[in-house]
Amino acid sequence: MVHFPETSSYIVLEERQVLLSIYEGDDNFKELTPTTFQYLVGDKGHFKSFLLEIVWGEKYPTEMPNINLDAFYNNHICAEVKCNVVMKISEEGEQWLESAMTYTLFEWAKENADVLMTNQVEQLIQSRNSSDATTEVQQTKKIKEKKEHMSKAQKRKLADKTDFKGEKPRGWNWVDIVKLSKTGKSHGDV
């Protein structure tokens, strides 16, 4: 069990339980430790999405928690935008001192995500995606280059079965009714 200061331990334990119950089943929420929580704001993989991390300190909730965007997921976000997001969320958190604020800050970030990420440019992720797309095209070309090699006899046999366009002649899979009547099989037996 995690040890919290006695003055705030009840509030902190209660807030943790509330967070876990509210975000149960929400894939965007993660509890890394009993004092560290993350929430993915926006659609995963979108250039304006970010992973918000809130870490409770020893004196939380009387002191502001540590708010950061240092997770690897946020490498696509430029430093200026990261600083702005942390500053705006911290400003929002200042008014909630002395009370449970983690849920409030996550929800505020979700509601204001468009404003927070206004200056985020798409080019950073597009450059990664374009290199991935180039690799995929190169791999596809390699696969297409590997063709089945046929012997002359196989090619001749294939040519005999098809016309000059490479198509099978009309009626190649038709059933001969005269042959069927001689063998005594009914049409349903075929």
N, C-alpha and C. Protein backbone atom coordinates (compact mmCIF):
# COMPACT_ATOMS: atom_id res chain seq x y z
N MET A 1 0.84 -1.19 0.00
CA MET A 1 0.00 0.00 0.00
C MET A 1 0.88 1.24 0.00
N VAL A 2 0.44 2.25 -0.68
CA VAL A 2 1.17 3.50 -0.78
C VAL A 2 0.93 4.32 0.46
N HIS A 3 1.99 4.97 0.94
CA HIS A 3 1.87 5.81 2.13
C HIS A 3 1.67 7.26 1.72
N PHE A 4 0.59 7.84 2.17
CA PHE A 4 0.30 9.25 1.92
C PHE A 4 0.38 9.98 3.25
N PRO A 5 0.66 11.29 3.24
CA PRO A 5 0.64 12.06 4.48
C PRO A 5 -0.73 11.95 5.15
N GLU A 6 -0.76 11.90 6.45
CA GLU A 6 -2.00 11.66 7.18
C GLU A 6 -3.06 12.73 6.93
N THR A 7 -2.66 13.98 6.73
CA THR A 7 -3.64 15.05 6.55
C THR A 7 -4.46 14.89 5.29
N SER A 8 -3.86 14.36 4.26
CA SER A 8 -4.58 14.26 2.99
C SER A 8 -4.81 12.81 2.57
N SER A 9 -4.42 11.86 3.37
CA SER A 9 -4.48 10.46 2.95
C SER A 9 -5.90 10.02 2.61
N TYR A 10 -6.88 10.43 3.40
CA TYR A 10 -8.26 10.03 3.13
C TYR A 10 -8.73 10.60 1.79
N ILE A 11 -8.46 11.87 1.55
CA ILE A 11 -8.88 12.53 0.31
C ILE A 11 -8.21 11.86 -0.90
N VAL A 12 -6.92 11.57 -0.77
CA VAL A 12 -6.16 10.99 -1.87
C VAL A 12 -6.64 9.57 -2.17
N LEU A 13 -6.82 8.76 -1.14
CA LEU A 13 -7.30 7.40 -1.33
C LEU A 13 -8.69 7.38 -1.95
N GLU A 14 -9.53 8.27 -1.49
CA GLU A 14 -10.88 8.35 -2.03
C GLU A 14 -10.85 8.80 -3.49
N GLU A 15 -10.01 9.78 -3.81
CA GLU A 15 -9.92 10.26 -5.19
C GLU A 15 -9.42 9.15 -6.11
N ARG A 16 -8.44 8.38 -5.67
CA ARG A 16 -7.92 7.28 -6.47
C ARG A 16 -9.03 6.26 -6.77
N GLN A 17 -9.80 5.91 -5.77
CA GLN A 17 -10.90 4.96 -5.96
C GLN A 17 -11.94 5.50 -6.93
N VAL A 18 -12.23 6.79 -6.80
CA VAL A 18 -13.21 7.42 -7.69
C VAL A 18 -12.69 7.41 -9.13
N LEU A 19 -11.41 7.75 -9.32
CA LEU A 19 -10.83 7.74 -10.67
C LEU A 19 -10.91 6.35 -11.29
N LEU A 20 -10.55 5.35 -10.51
CA LEU A 20 -10.57 3.98 -11.03
C LEU A 20 -11.99 3.54 -11.39
N SER A 21 -12.96 3.96 -10.62
CA SER A 21 -14.35 3.57 -10.93
C SER A 21 -14.90 4.35 -12.12
N ILE A 22 -14.58 5.63 -12.23
CA ILE A 22 -15.07 6.45 -13.34
C ILE A 22 -14.49 5.97 -14.67
N TYR A 23 -13.19 5.72 -14.68
CA TYR A 23 -12.51 5.37 -15.93
C TYR A 23 -12.39 3.87 -16.15
N GLU A 24 -13.12 3.07 -15.40
CA GLU A 24 -13.09 1.62 -15.59
C GLU A 24 -13.58 1.30 -16.99
N GLY A 25 -12.77 0.58 -17.74
CA GLY A 25 -13.13 0.21 -19.10
C GLY A 25 -12.76 1.25 -20.14
N ASP A 26 -12.26 2.40 -19.74
CA ASP A 26 -11.83 3.45 -20.67
C ASP A 26 -10.37 3.18 -21.04
N ASP A 27 -10.13 2.81 -22.29
CA ASP A 27 -8.77 2.47 -22.72
C ASP A 27 -7.84 3.67 -22.75
N ASN A 28 -8.37 4.87 -22.72
CA ASN A 28 -7.54 6.07 -22.74
C ASN A 28 -6.93 6.38 -21.37
N PHE A 29 -7.46 5.77 -20.32
CA PHE A 29 -6.99 6.02 -18.95
C PHE A 29 -6.06 4.91 -18.49
N LYS A 30 -4.98 5.31 -17.82
CA LYS A 30 -4.04 4.33 -17.25
C LYS A 30 -3.59 4.82 -15.88
N GLU A 31 -3.54 3.87 -14.94
CA GLU A 31 -2.94 4.14 -13.64
C GLU A 31 -1.58 3.48 -13.66
N LEU A 32 -0.51 4.28 -13.71
CA LEU A 32 0.83 3.71 -13.74
C LEU A 32 1.28 3.29 -12.34
N THR A 33 1.02 4.13 -11.37
CA THR A 33 1.27 3.84 -9.96
C THR A 33 0.07 4.41 -9.20
N PRO A 34 -0.04 4.15 -7.90
CA PRO A 34 -1.17 4.74 -7.16
C PRO A 34 -1.15 6.27 -7.11
N THR A 35 -0.06 6.88 -7.55
CA THR A 35 0.00 8.35 -7.57
C THR A 35 0.27 8.92 -8.95
N THR A 36 0.30 8.08 -9.98
CA THR A 36 0.59 8.54 -11.34
C THR A 36 -0.50 8.04 -12.29
N PHE A 37 -1.12 8.99 -12.99
CA PHE A 37 -2.23 8.66 -13.88
C PHE A 37 -2.00 9.30 -15.24
N GLN A 38 -2.43 8.61 -16.28
CA GLN A 38 -2.32 9.14 -17.64
C GLN A 38 -3.67 9.06 -18.33
N TYR A 39 -3.90 10.03 -19.21
CA TYR A 39 -5.11 10.00 -20.04
C TYR A 39 -4.74 10.44 -21.45
N LEU A 40 -5.16 9.65 -22.44
CA LEU A 40 -4.94 9.99 -23.84
C LEU A 40 -6.07 10.90 -24.30
N VAL A 41 -5.72 12.12 -24.62
CA VAL A 41 -6.70 13.11 -25.07
C VAL A 41 -6.68 13.14 -26.59
N GLY A 42 -7.82 12.89 -27.20
CA GLY A 42 -7.93 12.86 -28.66
C GLY A 42 -7.90 11.43 -29.17
N ASP A 43 -7.95 11.30 -30.49
CA ASP A 43 -7.95 9.99 -31.14
C ASP A 43 -6.52 9.48 -31.26
N LYS A 44 -6.31 8.24 -30.87
CA LYS A 44 -4.98 7.65 -30.90
C LYS A 44 -4.39 7.74 -32.31
N GLY A 45 -3.17 8.25 -32.40
CA GLY A 45 -2.50 8.37 -33.69
C GLY A 45 -2.76 9.69 -34.41
N HIS A 46 -3.74 10.46 -33.95
CA HIS A 46 -4.03 11.75 -34.59
C HIS A 46 -2.95 12.75 -34.19
N PHE A 47 -2.58 13.63 -35.11
CA PHE A 47 -1.47 14.54 -34.83
C PHE A 47 -1.77 15.54 -33.72
N LYS A 48 -3.03 15.72 -33.36
CA LYS A 48 -3.36 16.63 -32.27
C LYS A 48 -3.71 15.90 -30.97
N SER A 49 -3.48 14.60 -30.91
CA SER A 49 -3.73 13.87 -29.66
C SER A 49 -2.49 13.97 -28.77
N PHE A 50 -2.71 13.86 -27.46
CA PHE A 50 -1.59 13.89 -26.53
C PHE A 50 -1.89 13.07 -25.30
N LEU A 51 -0.83 12.59 -24.66
CA LEU A 51 -0.94 11.77 -23.46
C LEU A 51 -0.61 12.65 -22.26
N LEU A 52 -1.63 12.97 -21.48
CA LEU A 52 -1.49 13.84 -20.32
C LEU A 52 -1.19 12.98 -19.09
N GLU A 53 -0.12 13.34 -18.38
CA GLU A 53 0.25 12.60 -17.18
C GLU A 53 0.17 13.52 -15.97
N ILE A 54 -0.48 13.03 -14.92
CA ILE A 54 -0.61 13.77 -13.67
C ILE A 54 -0.03 12.91 -12.56
N VAL A 55 0.94 13.49 -11.84
CA VAL A 55 1.63 12.77 -10.77
C VAL A 55 1.39 13.53 -9.46
N TRP A 56 0.81 12.83 -8.49
CA TRP A 56 0.56 13.44 -7.19
C TRP A 56 1.84 13.48 -6.37
N GLY A 57 2.10 14.63 -5.77
CA GLY A 57 3.26 14.77 -4.89
C GLY A 57 2.88 14.43 -3.45
N GLU A 58 3.85 14.60 -2.56
CA GLU A 58 3.65 14.30 -1.13
C GLU A 58 2.53 15.14 -0.52
N LYS A 59 2.39 16.39 -0.96
CA LYS A 59 1.43 17.30 -0.34
C LYS A 59 0.16 17.49 -1.17
N TYR A 60 -0.04 16.63 -2.13
CA TYR A 60 -1.26 16.71 -2.93
C TYR A 60 -2.45 16.41 -2.03
N PRO A 61 -3.53 17.09 -2.08
CA PRO A 61 -4.01 18.11 -3.03
C PRO A 61 -3.77 19.55 -2.58
N THR A 62 -3.00 19.75 -1.51
CA THR A 62 -2.72 21.13 -1.09
C THR A 62 -1.70 21.78 -2.01
N GLU A 63 -0.91 20.99 -2.72
CA GLU A 63 0.01 21.49 -3.73
C GLU A 63 -0.39 20.92 -5.08
N MET A 64 -0.03 21.64 -6.12
CA MET A 64 -0.35 21.20 -7.49
C MET A 64 0.36 19.89 -7.80
N PRO A 65 -0.32 19.00 -8.49
CA PRO A 65 0.37 17.78 -8.94
C PRO A 65 1.32 18.13 -10.08
N ASN A 66 2.23 17.22 -10.38
CA ASN A 66 3.13 17.42 -11.51
C ASN A 66 2.36 17.08 -12.78
N ILE A 67 2.27 18.03 -13.68
CA ILE A 67 1.55 17.84 -14.95
C ILE A 67 2.60 17.84 -16.05
N ASN A 68 2.63 16.76 -16.84
CA ASN A 68 3.65 16.73 -17.89
C ASN A 68 3.16 16.01 -19.14
N LEU A 69 3.87 16.27 -20.21
CA LEU A 69 3.63 15.63 -21.50
C LEU A 69 4.93 14.96 -21.96
N ASP A 70 5.70 14.42 -21.01
CA ASP A 70 7.01 13.85 -21.33
C ASP A 70 6.95 12.42 -21.85
N ALA A 71 5.77 11.83 -21.96
CA ALA A 71 5.65 10.45 -22.43
C ALA A 71 6.13 10.33 -23.88
N PHE A 72 6.66 9.17 -24.23
CA PHE A 72 7.16 8.92 -25.57
C PHE A 72 6.09 9.18 -26.63
N TYR A 73 4.84 8.89 -26.29
CA TYR A 73 3.73 9.09 -27.23
C TYR A 73 3.70 10.53 -27.75
N ASN A 74 4.14 11.48 -26.93
CA ASN A 74 4.03 12.90 -27.28
C ASN A 74 5.22 13.43 -28.08
N ASN A 75 6.07 12.55 -28.61
CA ASN A 75 7.24 13.02 -29.37
C ASN A 75 6.86 13.82 -30.62
N HIS A 76 5.66 13.64 -31.12
CA HIS A 76 5.24 14.37 -32.32
C HIS A 76 4.81 15.81 -32.01
N ILE A 77 4.68 16.14 -30.75
CA ILE A 77 4.22 17.48 -30.37
C ILE A 77 5.44 18.40 -30.21
N CYS A 78 5.36 19.58 -30.82
CA CYS A 78 6.49 20.51 -30.72
C CYS A 78 6.57 21.07 -29.29
N ALA A 79 7.77 21.46 -28.90
CA ALA A 79 8.06 21.89 -27.53
C ALA A 79 7.19 23.08 -27.11
N GLU A 80 6.96 23.99 -28.02
CA GLU A 80 6.14 25.18 -27.72
C GLU A 80 4.72 24.79 -27.33
N VAL A 81 4.14 23.85 -28.06
CA VAL A 81 2.79 23.40 -27.77
C VAL A 81 2.75 22.65 -26.44
N LYS A 82 3.75 21.81 -26.19
CA LYS A 82 3.81 21.08 -24.91
C LYS A 82 3.83 22.05 -23.74
N CYS A 83 4.69 23.07 -23.81
CA CYS A 83 4.78 24.06 -22.73
C CYS A 83 3.45 24.78 -22.54
N ASN A 84 2.80 25.15 -23.63
CA ASN A 84 1.53 25.84 -23.57
C ASN A 84 0.45 24.96 -22.91
N VAL A 85 0.39 23.68 -23.29
CA VAL A 85 -0.61 22.76 -22.73
C VAL A 85 -0.39 22.61 -21.23
N VAL A 86 0.85 22.37 -20.81
CA VAL A 86 1.14 22.21 -19.39
C VAL A 86 0.79 23.48 -18.61
N MET A 87 1.13 24.64 -19.19
CA MET A 87 0.84 25.91 -18.52
C MET A 87 -0.67 26.12 -18.35
N LYS A 88 -1.44 25.88 -19.43
CA LYS A 88 -2.89 26.08 -19.36
C LYS A 88 -3.56 25.11 -18.37
N ILE A 89 -3.13 23.86 -18.36
CA ILE A 89 -3.71 22.89 -17.43
C ILE A 89 -3.32 23.23 -16.00
N SER A 90 -2.10 23.71 -15.80
CA SER A 90 -1.67 24.12 -14.46
C SER A 90 -2.49 25.32 -13.98
N GLU A 91 -2.75 26.26 -14.88
CA GLU A 91 -3.58 27.42 -14.52
C GLU A 91 -4.98 26.96 -14.10
N GLU A 92 -5.53 26.00 -14.82
CA GLU A 92 -6.85 25.46 -14.46
C GLU A 92 -6.77 24.76 -13.10
N GLY A 93 -5.69 24.06 -12.85
CA GLY A 93 -5.53 23.34 -11.59
C GLY A 93 -5.39 24.23 -10.38
N GLU A 94 -4.85 25.42 -10.56
CA GLU A 94 -4.65 26.35 -9.44
C GLU A 94 -5.96 26.65 -8.71
N GLN A 95 -7.04 26.74 -9.42
CA GLN A 95 -8.33 27.06 -8.80
C GLN A 95 -8.91 25.87 -8.04
N TRP A 96 -8.34 24.67 -8.22
CA TRP A 96 -8.87 23.47 -7.58
C TRP A 96 -7.98 22.99 -6.43
N LEU A 97 -7.02 23.80 -6.02
CA LEU A 97 -6.17 23.43 -4.88
C LEU A 97 -7.04 23.14 -3.65
N GLU A 98 -6.58 22.20 -2.83
CA GLU A 98 -7.27 21.76 -1.61
C GLU A 98 -8.43 20.82 -1.93
N SER A 99 -8.61 20.44 -3.19
CA SER A 99 -9.68 19.49 -3.53
C SER A 99 -9.18 18.50 -4.58
N ALA A 100 -9.89 17.44 -4.73
CA ALA A 100 -9.53 16.43 -5.73
C ALA A 100 -9.67 17.06 -7.11
N MET A 101 -8.59 17.02 -7.91
CA MET A 101 -8.62 17.74 -9.19
C MET A 101 -8.23 16.91 -10.39
N THR A 102 -7.78 15.70 -10.22
CA THR A 102 -7.26 14.92 -11.35
C THR A 102 -8.34 14.69 -12.40
N TYR A 103 -9.51 14.23 -11.98
CA TYR A 103 -10.61 14.02 -12.92
C TYR A 103 -10.96 15.33 -13.61
N THR A 104 -11.04 16.40 -12.86
CA THR A 104 -11.40 17.70 -13.41
C THR A 104 -10.40 18.14 -14.47
N LEU A 105 -9.11 17.92 -14.21
CA LEU A 105 -8.08 18.33 -15.16
C LEU A 105 -8.12 17.47 -16.43
N PHE A 106 -8.34 16.17 -16.28
CA PHE A 106 -8.46 15.30 -17.47
C PHE A 106 -9.65 15.74 -18.32
N GLU A 107 -10.77 15.98 -17.69
CA GLU A 107 -11.98 16.37 -18.43
C GLU A 107 -11.81 17.75 -19.06
N TRP A 108 -11.17 18.67 -18.34
CA TRP A 108 -10.94 20.01 -18.88
C TRP A 108 -10.04 19.92 -20.12
N ALA A 109 -9.02 19.07 -20.05
CA ALA A 109 -8.11 18.90 -21.19
C ALA A 109 -8.87 18.31 -22.39
N LYS A 110 -9.77 17.36 -22.15
CA LYS A 110 -10.55 16.77 -23.24
C LYS A 110 -11.45 17.82 -23.89
N GLU A 111 -12.11 18.63 -23.06
CA GLU A 111 -13.03 19.65 -23.57
C GLU A 111 -12.31 20.76 -24.33
N ASN A 112 -11.08 21.04 -23.96
CA ASN A 112 -10.33 22.16 -24.55
C ASN A 112 -9.19 21.69 -25.45
N ALA A 113 -9.22 20.46 -25.88
CA ALA A 113 -8.12 19.89 -26.66
C ALA A 113 -7.86 20.68 -27.94
N ASP A 114 -8.91 21.09 -28.63
CA ASP A 114 -8.73 21.83 -29.89
C ASP A 114 -7.99 23.15 -29.65
N VAL A 115 -8.36 23.85 -28.59
CA VAL A 115 -7.72 25.13 -28.27
C VAL A 115 -6.28 24.89 -27.83
N LEU A 116 -6.06 23.86 -27.01
CA LEU A 116 -4.72 23.57 -26.51
C LEU A 116 -3.76 23.20 -27.64
N MET A 117 -4.26 22.52 -28.66
CA MET A 117 -3.41 22.03 -29.74
C MET A 117 -3.51 22.86 -31.01
N THR A 118 -3.96 24.10 -30.90
CA THR A 118 -4.15 24.96 -32.07
C THR A 118 -2.88 25.10 -32.90
N ASN A 119 -1.74 25.28 -32.26
CA ASN A 119 -0.49 25.53 -32.98
C ASN A 119 0.24 24.26 -33.39
N GLN A 120 -0.31 23.11 -33.10
CA GLN A 120 0.33 21.85 -33.47
C GLN A 120 0.20 21.64 -34.98
N VAL A 121 1.32 21.34 -35.63
CA VAL A 121 1.31 21.16 -37.08
C VAL A 121 1.32 19.68 -37.43
N GLU A 122 0.69 19.37 -38.54
CA GLU A 122 0.52 17.98 -38.97
C GLU A 122 1.79 17.43 -39.62
N GLN A 123 2.67 18.27 -40.08
CA GLN A 123 3.84 17.84 -40.83
C GLN A 123 4.71 16.84 -40.07
N LEU A 124 4.81 16.98 -38.77
CA LEU A 124 5.70 16.11 -38.02
C LEU A 124 5.29 14.65 -38.13
N ILE A 125 4.03 14.38 -38.00
CA ILE A 125 3.57 12.99 -38.11
C ILE A 125 3.52 12.57 -39.57
N GLN A 126 3.18 13.49 -40.47
CA GLN A 126 3.11 13.13 -41.87
C GLN A 126 4.48 12.66 -42.38
N SER A 127 5.56 13.27 -41.90
CA SER A 127 6.87 12.85 -42.37
C SER A 127 7.14 11.42 -41.94
N ARG A 128 6.73 11.04 -40.73
CA ARG A 128 6.88 9.66 -40.28
C ARG A 128 6.01 8.73 -41.13
N ASN A 129 4.75 9.14 -41.37
CA ASN A 129 3.83 8.30 -42.13
C ASN A 129 4.28 8.15 -43.58
N SER A 130 4.85 9.21 -44.16
CA SER A 130 5.29 9.12 -45.55
C SER A 130 6.47 8.17 -45.67
N SER A 131 7.35 8.13 -44.69
CA SER A 131 8.46 7.18 -44.76
C SER A 131 7.95 5.76 -44.59
N ASP A 132 6.93 5.58 -43.76
CA ASP A 132 6.31 4.26 -43.61
C ASP A 132 5.65 3.85 -44.92
N ALA A 133 4.97 4.79 -45.59
CA ALA A 133 4.29 4.49 -46.84
C ALA A 133 5.32 4.13 -47.92
N THR A 134 6.45 4.83 -47.94
CA THR A 134 7.50 4.53 -48.91
C THR A 134 8.03 3.12 -48.71
N THR A 135 8.22 2.74 -47.47
CA THR A 135 8.69 1.39 -47.15
C THR A 135 7.68 0.35 -47.62
N GLU A 136 6.39 0.61 -47.40
CA GLU A 136 5.35 -0.32 -47.83
C GLU A 136 5.34 -0.47 -49.35
N VAL A 137 5.50 0.63 -50.08
CA VAL A 137 5.52 0.58 -51.54
C VAL A 137 6.71 -0.25 -52.01
N GLN A 138 7.87 -0.05 -51.38
CA GLN A 138 9.05 -0.81 -51.76
C GLN A 138 8.85 -2.29 -51.50
N GLN A 139 8.23 -2.64 -50.37
CA GLN A 139 7.98 -4.04 -50.05
C GLN A 139 6.99 -4.64 -51.04
N THR A 140 5.97 -3.88 -51.43
CA THR A 140 4.98 -4.37 -52.40
C THR A 140 5.65 -4.63 -53.74
N LYS A 141 6.56 -3.74 -54.17
CA LYS A 141 7.26 -3.93 -55.44
C LYS A 141 8.08 -5.21 -55.41
N LYS A 142 8.73 -5.47 -54.27
CA LYS A 142 9.53 -6.70 -54.16
C LYS A 142 8.65 -7.92 -54.30
N ILE A 143 7.48 -7.88 -53.69
CA ILE A 143 6.56 -9.02 -53.77
C ILE A 143 6.08 -9.22 -55.20
N LYS A 144 5.76 -8.12 -55.91
CA LYS A 144 5.27 -8.22 -57.27
C LYS A 144 6.34 -8.72 -58.23
N GLU A 145 7.60 -8.42 -57.93
CA GLU A 145 8.69 -8.83 -58.81
C GLU A 145 8.86 -10.34 -58.81
N LYS A 146 8.50 -11.00 -57.75
CA LYS A 146 8.65 -12.45 -57.66
C LYS A 146 7.49 -13.12 -58.40
N LYS A 147 7.74 -13.49 -59.65
CA LYS A 147 6.72 -14.13 -60.46
C LYS A 147 7.05 -15.61 -60.58
N GLU A 148 6.02 -16.37 -60.81
CA GLU A 148 6.21 -17.81 -61.00
C GLU A 148 6.82 -18.04 -62.37
N HIS A 149 7.93 -18.76 -62.40
CA HIS A 149 8.59 -19.07 -63.67
C HIS A 149 8.08 -20.42 -64.16
N MET A 150 7.62 -20.45 -65.42
CA MET A 150 7.08 -21.68 -65.99
C MET A 150 8.03 -22.20 -67.06
N SER A 151 8.02 -23.50 -67.20
CA SER A 151 8.83 -24.11 -68.26
C SER A 151 8.13 -23.87 -69.60
N LYS A 152 8.84 -24.17 -70.68
CA LYS A 152 8.25 -23.99 -72.02
C LYS A 152 7.04 -24.89 -72.20
N ALA A 153 7.11 -26.10 -71.67
CA ALA A 153 6.00 -27.04 -71.79
C ALA A 153 4.77 -26.52 -71.04
N GLN A 154 4.98 -25.96 -69.87
CA GLN A 154 3.86 -25.41 -69.10
C GLN A 154 3.24 -24.22 -69.83
N LYS A 155 4.08 -23.38 -70.40
CA LYS A 155 3.57 -22.23 -71.14
C LYS A 155 2.78 -22.68 -72.37
N ARG A 156 3.27 -23.70 -73.06
CA ARG A 156 2.60 -24.22 -74.25
C ARG A 156 1.24 -24.79 -73.87
N LYS A 157 1.19 -25.54 -72.77
CA LYS A 157 -0.06 -26.15 -72.32
C LYS A 157 -1.08 -25.06 -71.95
N LEU A 158 -0.62 -24.02 -71.29
CA LEU A 158 -1.49 -22.90 -70.92
C LEU A 158 -1.99 -22.19 -72.17
N ALA A 159 -1.12 -22.01 -73.16
CA ALA A 159 -1.51 -21.35 -74.41
C ALA A 159 -2.55 -22.16 -75.16
N ASP A 160 -2.45 -23.49 -75.10
CA ASP A 160 -3.42 -24.33 -75.79
C ASP A 160 -4.81 -24.22 -75.16
N LYS A 161 -4.86 -23.99 -73.87
CA LYS A 161 -6.15 -23.91 -73.16
C LYS A 161 -6.80 -22.54 -73.30
N THR A 162 -6.06 -21.53 -73.68
CA THR A 162 -6.59 -20.17 -73.75
C THR A 162 -6.47 -19.62 -75.16
N ASP A 163 -7.19 -18.51 -75.39
CA ASP A 163 -7.08 -17.84 -76.69
C ASP A 163 -5.91 -16.84 -76.63
N PHE A 164 -5.76 -16.05 -77.70
CA PHE A 164 -4.63 -15.12 -77.78
C PHE A 164 -4.67 -14.02 -76.71
N LYS A 165 -5.83 -13.83 -76.07
CA LYS A 165 -5.95 -12.82 -75.01
C LYS A 165 -5.66 -13.41 -73.63
N GLY A 166 -5.44 -14.69 -73.54
CA GLY A 166 -5.19 -15.33 -72.26
C GLY A 166 -6.46 -15.78 -71.56
N GLU A 167 -7.60 -15.72 -72.30
CA GLU A 167 -8.88 -16.13 -71.71
C GLU A 167 -9.25 -17.51 -72.20
N LYS A 168 -9.97 -18.24 -71.35
CA LYS A 168 -10.43 -19.58 -71.74
C LYS A 168 -11.57 -19.42 -72.74
N PRO A 169 -11.71 -20.39 -73.67
CA PRO A 169 -12.75 -20.25 -74.70
C PRO A 169 -14.14 -20.38 -74.10
N ARG A 170 -15.09 -19.80 -74.80
CA ARG A 170 -16.48 -19.83 -74.36
C ARG A 170 -16.96 -21.27 -74.27
N GLY A 171 -17.59 -21.62 -73.16
CA GLY A 171 -18.15 -22.94 -72.98
C GLY A 171 -17.19 -23.98 -72.44
N TRP A 172 -16.01 -23.56 -71.97
CA TRP A 172 -15.01 -24.52 -71.50
C TRP A 172 -15.50 -25.32 -70.29
N ASN A 173 -16.45 -24.76 -69.51
CA ASN A 173 -16.94 -25.46 -68.32
C ASN A 173 -18.39 -25.92 -68.47
N TRP A 174 -18.90 -25.96 -69.69
CA TRP A 174 -20.27 -26.40 -69.90
C TRP A 174 -20.37 -27.92 -69.78
N VAL A 175 -21.56 -28.37 -69.45
CA VAL A 175 -21.81 -29.81 -69.33
C VAL A 175 -22.45 -30.29 -70.63
N ASP A 176 -21.97 -31.40 -71.16
CA ASP A 176 -22.51 -31.96 -72.39
C ASP A 176 -23.72 -32.81 -72.04
N ILE A 177 -24.91 -32.36 -72.44
CA ILE A 177 -26.17 -33.04 -72.11
C ILE A 177 -26.26 -34.39 -72.81
N VAL A 178 -25.76 -34.49 -74.02
CA VAL A 178 -25.82 -35.75 -74.77
C VAL A 178 -25.02 -36.82 -74.04
N LYS A 179 -23.82 -36.48 -73.55
CA LYS A 179 -23.00 -37.44 -72.81
C LYS A 179 -23.70 -37.86 -71.52
N LEU A 180 -24.35 -36.89 -70.85
CA LEU A 180 -25.05 -37.20 -69.60
C LEU A 180 -26.19 -38.19 -69.84
N SER A 181 -26.93 -38.01 -70.99
CA SER A 181 -28.07 -38.91 -71.27
C SER A 181 -27.59 -40.32 -71.57
N LYS A 182 -26.40 -40.49 -72.16
CA LYS A 182 -25.86 -41.80 -72.48
C LYS A 182 -25.39 -42.52 -71.22
N THR A 183 -24.90 -41.79 -70.24
CA THR A 183 -24.39 -42.42 -69.03
C THR A 183 -25.49 -42.74 -68.06
N GLY A 184 -26.65 -42.12 -68.23
CA GLY A 184 -27.80 -42.41 -67.38
C GLY A 184 -27.87 -41.58 -66.12
N LYS A 185 -27.00 -40.62 -65.99
CA LYS A 185 -27.05 -39.77 -64.81
C LYS A 185 -28.04 -38.64 -65.05
N SER A 186 -28.77 -38.31 -64.01
CA SER A 186 -29.71 -37.19 -64.13
C SER A 186 -28.96 -35.88 -63.90
N HIS A 187 -29.57 -34.80 -64.23
CA HIS A 187 -28.95 -33.49 -64.11
C HIS A 187 -28.60 -33.17 -62.65
N GLY A 188 -29.38 -33.62 -61.68
CA GLY A 188 -29.14 -33.36 -60.26
C GLY A 188 -27.96 -34.13 -59.72
N ASP A 189 -27.49 -35.20 -60.41
CA ASP A 189 -26.39 -36.02 -59.94
C ASP A 189 -25.04 -35.38 -60.25
N VAL A 190 -24.99 -34.38 -61.06
CA VAL A 190 -23.74 -33.80 -61.50
C VAL A 190 -23.02 -33.10 -60.40
